[in-house]
Amino acid sequence: MFLAQTGPSPYFALLSTWIIWWTKRYVIAVTGQRIVVFRASIWTPTRPKTETFSEPRGADLGDPGKGLWRRFELGGARYWVHRRFRDDVLAASQTPVR
C-alpha cells in the first residue's frame, strides 16, 4: 500500500498553501492479482473511504525516478507519489531495484 494524490504538481505547494484544496488523496493497495485505488479524506489520508477502481496487477507504474515527487498514470488519471513510497511503487510495478 502507498499514498498518492491527484491535482496540480505538489511542487506548487511551495508557492501557495491553497494548493491543498485542489488535490485529492488516494490509497493505492496492491494485491497478488490487482491494483486497487481507494479515495481518502483530506484530513485522514491514510484511511480509505471508497473504492474508485481497480486494474490488473501488470499495470505499468513506470520508473520511480529520483525526485521528491514522481508522477504516473493509472486508470486514466495522473497520480503524484512522494519518494518515501518509492520502494512500494517499485514492488507494485514489479520493476527491479537499480
N, C-alpha and C. Protein backbone atom coordinates (compact mmCIF):
# COMPACT_ATOMS: atom_id res chain seq x y z
N MET A 1 0.84 -1.18 0.00
CA MET A 1 0.00 0.00 0.00
C MET A 1 0.88 1.24 0.00
N PHE A 2 0.39 2.27 -0.69
CA PHE A 2 1.08 3.55 -0.63
C PHE A 2 0.06 4.65 -0.90
N LEU A 3 0.42 5.86 -0.52
CA LEU A 3 -0.44 7.02 -0.68
C LEU A 3 -0.09 7.75 -1.96
N ALA A 4 -1.09 8.34 -2.57
CA ALA A 4 -0.89 9.13 -3.79
C ALA A 4 -1.89 10.28 -3.79
N GLN A 5 -1.69 11.22 -4.68
CA GLN A 5 -2.63 12.33 -4.81
C GLN A 5 -2.74 12.75 -6.25
N THR A 6 -3.86 13.36 -6.59
CA THR A 6 -4.07 13.90 -7.92
C THR A 6 -4.18 15.41 -7.82
N GLY A 7 -4.20 16.05 -8.95
CA GLY A 7 -4.29 17.50 -8.98
C GLY A 7 -3.02 18.11 -9.53
N PRO A 8 -2.83 19.40 -9.27
CA PRO A 8 -1.62 20.07 -9.77
C PRO A 8 -0.36 19.48 -9.13
N SER A 9 0.75 19.77 -9.72
CA SER A 9 2.02 19.30 -9.20
C SER A 9 2.20 19.70 -7.75
N PRO A 10 2.63 18.77 -6.89
CA PRO A 10 2.86 19.11 -5.48
C PRO A 10 3.95 20.16 -5.29
N TYR A 11 4.78 20.36 -6.29
CA TYR A 11 5.81 21.39 -6.18
C TYR A 11 5.20 22.79 -6.08
N PHE A 12 3.97 22.96 -6.58
CA PHE A 12 3.29 24.25 -6.46
C PHE A 12 2.96 24.60 -5.01
N ALA A 13 2.95 23.58 -4.13
CA ALA A 13 2.68 23.83 -2.71
C ALA A 13 3.75 24.73 -2.10
N LEU A 14 4.91 24.79 -2.72
CA LEU A 14 5.96 25.69 -2.24
C LEU A 14 5.58 27.15 -2.45
N LEU A 15 4.72 27.41 -3.42
CA LEU A 15 4.31 28.77 -3.72
C LEU A 15 3.07 29.22 -2.94
N SER A 16 2.17 28.27 -2.68
CA SER A 16 0.93 28.63 -2.00
C SER A 16 0.36 27.43 -1.27
N THR A 17 -0.16 27.67 -0.09
CA THR A 17 -0.79 26.59 0.67
C THR A 17 -2.21 26.32 0.19
N TRP A 18 -2.74 27.15 -0.70
CA TRP A 18 -4.08 26.95 -1.24
C TRP A 18 -4.16 25.71 -2.11
N ILE A 19 -3.04 25.22 -2.54
CA ILE A 19 -2.99 24.05 -3.41
C ILE A 19 -3.63 22.84 -2.75
N ILE A 20 -3.64 22.79 -1.43
CA ILE A 20 -4.20 21.65 -0.70
C ILE A 20 -5.68 21.44 -1.05
N TRP A 21 -6.39 22.48 -1.41
CA TRP A 21 -7.82 22.35 -1.70
C TRP A 21 -8.08 21.82 -3.11
N TRP A 22 -7.06 21.79 -3.97
CA TRP A 22 -7.23 21.27 -5.33
C TRP A 22 -6.71 19.86 -5.50
N THR A 23 -6.18 19.30 -4.44
CA THR A 23 -5.66 17.94 -4.53
C THR A 23 -6.65 16.95 -3.93
N LYS A 24 -6.61 15.74 -4.43
CA LYS A 24 -7.42 14.65 -3.89
C LYS A 24 -6.48 13.54 -3.49
N ARG A 25 -6.73 12.96 -2.34
CA ARG A 25 -5.86 11.92 -1.80
C ARG A 25 -6.41 10.53 -2.09
N TYR A 26 -5.48 9.59 -2.29
CA TYR A 26 -5.85 8.21 -2.58
C TYR A 26 -4.92 7.26 -1.84
N VAL A 27 -5.46 6.08 -1.53
CA VAL A 27 -4.67 4.97 -1.01
C VAL A 27 -4.66 3.93 -2.10
N ILE A 28 -3.48 3.49 -2.51
CA ILE A 28 -3.35 2.50 -3.56
C ILE A 28 -2.86 1.21 -2.92
N ALA A 29 -3.69 0.18 -3.03
CA ALA A 29 -3.37 -1.13 -2.46
C ALA A 29 -3.05 -2.09 -3.59
N VAL A 30 -2.02 -2.88 -3.38
CA VAL A 30 -1.58 -3.83 -4.40
C VAL A 30 -1.73 -5.24 -3.84
N THR A 31 -2.51 -6.06 -4.53
CA THR A 31 -2.68 -7.46 -4.13
C THR A 31 -1.96 -8.34 -5.14
N GLY A 32 -2.11 -9.62 -5.00
CA GLY A 32 -1.47 -10.54 -5.93
C GLY A 32 -2.03 -10.46 -7.34
N GLN A 33 -3.32 -10.11 -7.47
CA GLN A 33 -3.96 -10.09 -8.77
C GLN A 33 -4.24 -8.69 -9.31
N ARG A 34 -4.39 -7.70 -8.46
CA ARG A 34 -4.79 -6.38 -8.97
C ARG A 34 -4.27 -5.23 -8.12
N ILE A 35 -4.40 -4.04 -8.70
CA ILE A 35 -4.07 -2.79 -8.02
C ILE A 35 -5.40 -2.07 -7.79
N VAL A 36 -5.71 -1.78 -6.53
CA VAL A 36 -6.98 -1.16 -6.17
C VAL A 36 -6.73 0.25 -5.67
N VAL A 37 -7.52 1.20 -6.17
CA VAL A 37 -7.37 2.61 -5.78
C VAL A 37 -8.58 3.01 -4.94
N PHE A 38 -8.31 3.52 -3.74
CA PHE A 38 -9.35 3.98 -2.83
C PHE A 38 -9.25 5.48 -2.64
N ARG A 39 -10.37 6.15 -2.57
CA ARG A 39 -10.41 7.58 -2.26
C ARG A 39 -10.18 7.73 -0.76
N ALA A 40 -9.47 8.78 -0.36
CA ALA A 40 -9.19 9.05 1.05
C ALA A 40 -9.58 10.49 1.36
N SER A 41 -9.72 10.78 2.62
CA SER A 41 -10.11 12.11 3.08
C SER A 41 -8.90 13.05 3.12
N ILE A 42 -9.17 14.32 3.00
CA ILE A 42 -8.10 15.31 3.11
C ILE A 42 -7.55 15.35 4.54
N TRP A 43 -8.40 15.04 5.52
CA TRP A 43 -8.00 15.12 6.93
C TRP A 43 -7.38 13.83 7.44
N THR A 44 -7.78 12.69 6.88
CA THR A 44 -7.20 11.40 7.26
C THR A 44 -6.81 10.65 5.98
N PRO A 45 -5.70 11.03 5.38
CA PRO A 45 -5.33 10.46 4.08
C PRO A 45 -4.91 8.99 4.14
N THR A 46 -4.71 8.42 5.31
CA THR A 46 -4.31 7.02 5.39
C THR A 46 -5.49 6.08 5.56
N ARG A 47 -6.71 6.62 5.65
CA ARG A 47 -7.91 5.79 5.78
C ARG A 47 -8.70 5.76 4.48
N PRO A 48 -8.75 4.62 3.83
CA PRO A 48 -9.51 4.55 2.59
C PRO A 48 -11.01 4.68 2.86
N LYS A 49 -11.71 5.41 1.98
CA LYS A 49 -13.15 5.59 2.14
C LYS A 49 -13.93 4.72 1.17
N THR A 50 -13.74 4.94 -0.12
CA THR A 50 -14.48 4.19 -1.12
C THR A 50 -13.52 3.72 -2.21
N GLU A 51 -13.85 2.56 -2.80
CA GLU A 51 -13.03 2.06 -3.89
C GLU A 51 -13.36 2.85 -5.15
N THR A 52 -12.34 3.40 -5.79
CA THR A 52 -12.53 4.18 -7.01
C THR A 52 -12.51 3.27 -8.23
N PHE A 53 -11.48 2.44 -8.34
CA PHE A 53 -11.39 1.47 -9.44
C PHE A 53 -10.27 0.50 -9.14
N SER A 54 -10.15 -0.51 -10.00
CA SER A 54 -9.04 -1.45 -9.88
C SER A 54 -8.57 -1.84 -11.28
N GLU A 55 -7.32 -2.26 -11.35
CA GLU A 55 -6.71 -2.69 -12.61
C GLU A 55 -5.92 -3.96 -12.35
N PRO A 56 -5.60 -4.71 -13.40
CA PRO A 56 -4.78 -5.91 -13.21
C PRO A 56 -3.41 -5.57 -12.64
N ARG A 57 -2.82 -6.50 -11.97
CA ARG A 57 -1.53 -6.30 -11.31
C ARG A 57 -0.44 -5.90 -12.29
N GLY A 58 -0.53 -6.27 -13.53
CA GLY A 58 0.51 -5.98 -14.50
C GLY A 58 0.54 -4.54 -14.98
N ALA A 59 -0.32 -3.67 -14.46
CA ALA A 59 -0.35 -2.27 -14.90
C ALA A 59 1.01 -1.62 -14.64
N ASP A 60 1.49 -0.86 -15.60
CA ASP A 60 2.80 -0.24 -15.51
C ASP A 60 2.74 1.06 -14.72
N LEU A 61 3.52 1.12 -13.65
CA LEU A 61 3.60 2.34 -12.85
C LEU A 61 4.85 3.14 -13.19
N GLY A 62 5.63 2.65 -14.12
CA GLY A 62 6.80 3.39 -14.59
C GLY A 62 7.97 3.37 -13.65
N ASP A 63 8.96 4.16 -14.00
CA ASP A 63 10.19 4.29 -13.22
C ASP A 63 9.97 5.30 -12.11
N PRO A 64 10.27 4.94 -10.85
CA PRO A 64 10.02 5.87 -9.75
C PRO A 64 10.91 7.10 -9.74
N GLY A 65 11.99 7.11 -10.50
CA GLY A 65 12.83 8.30 -10.59
C GLY A 65 13.55 8.64 -9.30
N LYS A 66 14.15 9.82 -9.27
CA LYS A 66 14.95 10.23 -8.12
C LYS A 66 14.46 11.52 -7.47
N GLY A 67 13.44 12.15 -8.00
CA GLY A 67 12.96 13.40 -7.45
C GLY A 67 12.15 13.22 -6.18
N LEU A 68 11.74 14.32 -5.58
CA LEU A 68 10.92 14.30 -4.37
C LEU A 68 9.53 13.74 -4.67
N TRP A 69 8.95 14.14 -5.79
CA TRP A 69 7.66 13.63 -6.24
C TRP A 69 7.83 13.01 -7.61
N ARG A 70 7.08 11.98 -7.89
CA ARG A 70 7.06 11.41 -9.23
C ARG A 70 5.62 11.21 -9.61
N ARG A 71 5.38 11.19 -10.90
CA ARG A 71 4.00 11.00 -11.34
C ARG A 71 3.91 9.77 -12.21
N PHE A 72 2.72 9.19 -12.20
CA PHE A 72 2.41 8.06 -13.07
C PHE A 72 0.93 8.10 -13.40
N GLU A 73 0.55 7.36 -14.42
CA GLU A 73 -0.85 7.32 -14.81
C GLU A 73 -1.39 5.92 -14.56
N LEU A 74 -2.61 5.89 -14.03
CA LEU A 74 -3.27 4.63 -13.74
C LEU A 74 -4.76 4.86 -13.91
N GLY A 75 -5.38 4.09 -14.75
CA GLY A 75 -6.81 4.22 -14.96
C GLY A 75 -7.22 5.54 -15.57
N GLY A 76 -6.34 6.15 -16.34
CA GLY A 76 -6.66 7.42 -17.00
C GLY A 76 -6.45 8.65 -16.13
N ALA A 77 -5.99 8.49 -14.91
CA ALA A 77 -5.73 9.63 -14.03
C ALA A 77 -4.24 9.73 -13.74
N ARG A 78 -3.78 10.95 -13.51
CA ARG A 78 -2.38 11.20 -13.19
C ARG A 78 -2.24 11.30 -11.67
N TYR A 79 -1.34 10.50 -11.12
CA TYR A 79 -1.12 10.47 -9.68
C TYR A 79 0.29 10.96 -9.37
N TRP A 80 0.42 11.59 -8.21
CA TRP A 80 1.72 12.02 -7.68
C TRP A 80 2.01 11.21 -6.43
N VAL A 81 3.23 10.68 -6.35
CA VAL A 81 3.64 9.86 -5.21
C VAL A 81 4.93 10.43 -4.63
N HIS A 82 4.98 10.56 -3.32
CA HIS A 82 6.17 11.07 -2.63
C HIS A 82 7.27 10.01 -2.65
N ARG A 83 8.51 10.44 -2.58
CA ARG A 83 9.64 9.50 -2.69
C ARG A 83 9.71 8.52 -1.52
N ARG A 84 9.08 8.83 -0.39
CA ARG A 84 9.13 7.87 0.72
C ARG A 84 8.40 6.57 0.39
N PHE A 85 7.58 6.59 -0.67
CA PHE A 85 6.87 5.39 -1.10
C PHE A 85 7.53 4.74 -2.32
N ARG A 86 8.77 5.13 -2.63
CA ARG A 86 9.48 4.63 -3.81
C ARG A 86 9.57 3.11 -3.84
N ASP A 87 9.94 2.51 -2.73
CA ASP A 87 10.08 1.05 -2.68
C ASP A 87 8.73 0.36 -2.87
N ASP A 88 7.66 0.95 -2.36
CA ASP A 88 6.33 0.37 -2.53
C ASP A 88 5.89 0.43 -3.99
N VAL A 89 6.19 1.54 -4.66
CA VAL A 89 5.85 1.66 -6.08
C VAL A 89 6.66 0.66 -6.90
N LEU A 90 7.92 0.51 -6.56
CA LEU A 90 8.75 -0.49 -7.25
C LEU A 90 8.20 -1.89 -7.09
N ALA A 91 7.79 -2.24 -5.89
CA ALA A 91 7.23 -3.57 -5.64
C ALA A 91 5.91 -3.75 -6.40
N ALA A 92 5.11 -2.70 -6.45
CA ALA A 92 3.81 -2.79 -7.13
C ALA A 92 3.96 -2.93 -8.63
N SER A 93 4.95 -2.25 -9.20
CA SER A 93 5.13 -2.30 -10.65
C SER A 93 6.04 -3.46 -11.07
N GLN A 94 6.56 -4.18 -10.09
CA GLN A 94 7.46 -5.31 -10.34
C GLN A 94 8.67 -4.89 -11.13
N THR A 95 9.14 -3.65 -10.89
CA THR A 95 10.34 -3.13 -11.53
C THR A 95 11.51 -3.47 -10.61
N PRO A 96 12.59 -4.05 -11.15
CA PRO A 96 13.74 -4.35 -10.30
C PRO A 96 14.40 -3.08 -9.76
N VAL A 97 14.88 -3.16 -8.53
CA VAL A 97 15.57 -2.03 -7.91
C VAL A 97 16.91 -1.84 -8.61
N ARG A 98 17.24 -0.59 -8.91
CA ARG A 98 18.51 -0.30 -9.60
C ARG A 98 19.54 0.18 -8.63
